[in-house]
Amino acid sequence: MTDTPNARLRRRKPTSRKTAGPAEPKDRPAAPPKPRTPHQLARLVRDAFGLNVPPGPCCDHHNSPLDYLVASFFGERDLLVWANRGGGKTMMAAVATLLDAIYHGPVHIRVIGGSFDQSDRLAEHIRELLEHRPDLLAKPPTRDRVRLVGGSEIRMLPQSERAVRGQHVQKIRCDEVELFDERVWRAVQFATRSTASARGSIEVLSTLHRSGGLMHRLVSDAERLASPLPADGAGGKPGYALIHWCLWDVIEPCPAWRDCNGCPLADDCRGVARNGKGFFRIDDAIAIKARSSRAAWDAEMLCKGPHRDWLVFPEFDVARHIRHAEYCPDWPMYRAIDFGYRSPLVCLWIQVTPAGTVHVIDEYVRRRLPLTAHAEEILRRDPPAAKTAMTYVDPAGRQKEATSGAACTELLRAAGIPSTCRASTIAEGLELIRSALAPACGEPSLVIDRRCGRLIDAFHSYHYPPGGDARSEQPAKDGPDHLIDALRYFFVNRMRPKVAVRRGRY
């Protein structure tokens, strides 16, 4: 019987074609054992990815990049990383992402940058790190997705509310959250879900340079909650735990041949760089300082706080204006109220000393309550046996509401809180507060008790809109203005200078 071409083709054994891609599972080398201690974690990062992570901070009360990796790997809690420009935030986020994918898998991780370029940079770091371990890849990585052996997946998302909503993943890392849209940030808070292998958590990494911005509010809240990191990174209270490092915590060792005398960094460094253990080049730090303003250098490299260029009260100083201020029955007491419902209603309790110093002794900030409920709480919080000389309020409170037909001032009076008000411009009230913070001569005449945390935060974040001439514009109305407004009503009613005008012939 003669073979046909089709019969010969059917009898031919199939040949395997070699294709480029990850090795078969049986050919893959095993991943290093899961680290159990911070020391083992640092050694793993060095051996597996070729990175020497600074092991400890140089500045008191700061952390190091290794502290972040330890807290992320062992703690699996919400973290807030505040660090300097070029301080390794994005690279550390890439390392933490791969550690999660390898050792906490199968896990789904989403990376969101403040801009598309920021997300792309973090993705590039991840791909570069995997060049050391291509055996970990299940498929060749793409620009926005990396899939690893074991089922873990890393995706880079655009910063959009539509992309974030509907996500139910174990890890979300937000790089440069300072640039985030508020709606996107709110959507992120609902996008995590825990599994048996990994706890749902969010990590935020950013510089802090804008007063009143998202990062500024997050840092202020974290500092107020004061949730310190345990030594092993695990446990702790709910909420974002703050991890903070600056230029000196990642600076390279300063060699002996460099002379501190005449060094442009000497006034800030004070010899700290001699003990440096990091990667930031000293020559780069000198060049950056030479072309930066002092405000930008302090904010973005030394991480001392946001730029003060656009603050309404750059004169405010914690060391000068905050101290213990208890109620004194011998001094008159006043209240100052800014009305609100969706926005908070604010009440401040204020006393004036015989020397004319203003003491803010307590605060009340609450939203979405009827005015009568606010009035009950205000009266309950009055110091025992205190006699209030007067309550100063927003002049807009004299207008009658369309629903009740009564004005806020009338409702307060019916509840037992008579009030008064005086019309003024915003600029006039702010100038009176400035003169109390930093008078032309003598000591400040405004003292705020430490219990007034919201008012203190308002002084730190009350700002003019970026752009234009700050002194000619109205301050931004994005949150801290309500507390400052209440204080302003007190100053324009009680502390306005009385000027006598003598009339006659000249």
Foldseek 3Di string as FASTA:
>chain_A
DDDDPVNVVVPDDDDDDDDDKADDPVPFDDQPDDDDFLVSVQVSCCVQQVDRFQPAFLDPPAGGLSLVLLLVLAAQAAAEEAEFVVRCQLLSVLVSVVSCVRQLPPFEEEEEELAPVSLQVSQVSNVNSCVSPRNQFPGDDDSAWTAGPRNHIYGYFYQDLVRLAPAETQEYEYEACLSHDPNSVVSNVPRYDDDPRGHRYYYYHHFAAAFPTPSLVLVLVQVVVVWAADPSSHDTDHHYHYHYDAQLRAEAADDPVDDLVPQPCNVPCVPSSNPHDHDDYPVVVSVVVVPDDPQCCCRRGVVPHYRCPFALAPLDDCVAAEDADDDDQVWAKEWFWEDAAQAWIKIWIWTADPVGFIEGHAMDTDHHDDLLVVLVVVVVPPPPPHDHPAYFYDPQQCDADPPPRHGSQVSNVVSPHHHDFDDDDPLVLSVLQNCQSPNPDDGRRHHYYPNHSLLVSLSRRFGQPPDDDSVVGDIDDDHSVRSSVRVSRCCVVPVDDDDDDDDDDD
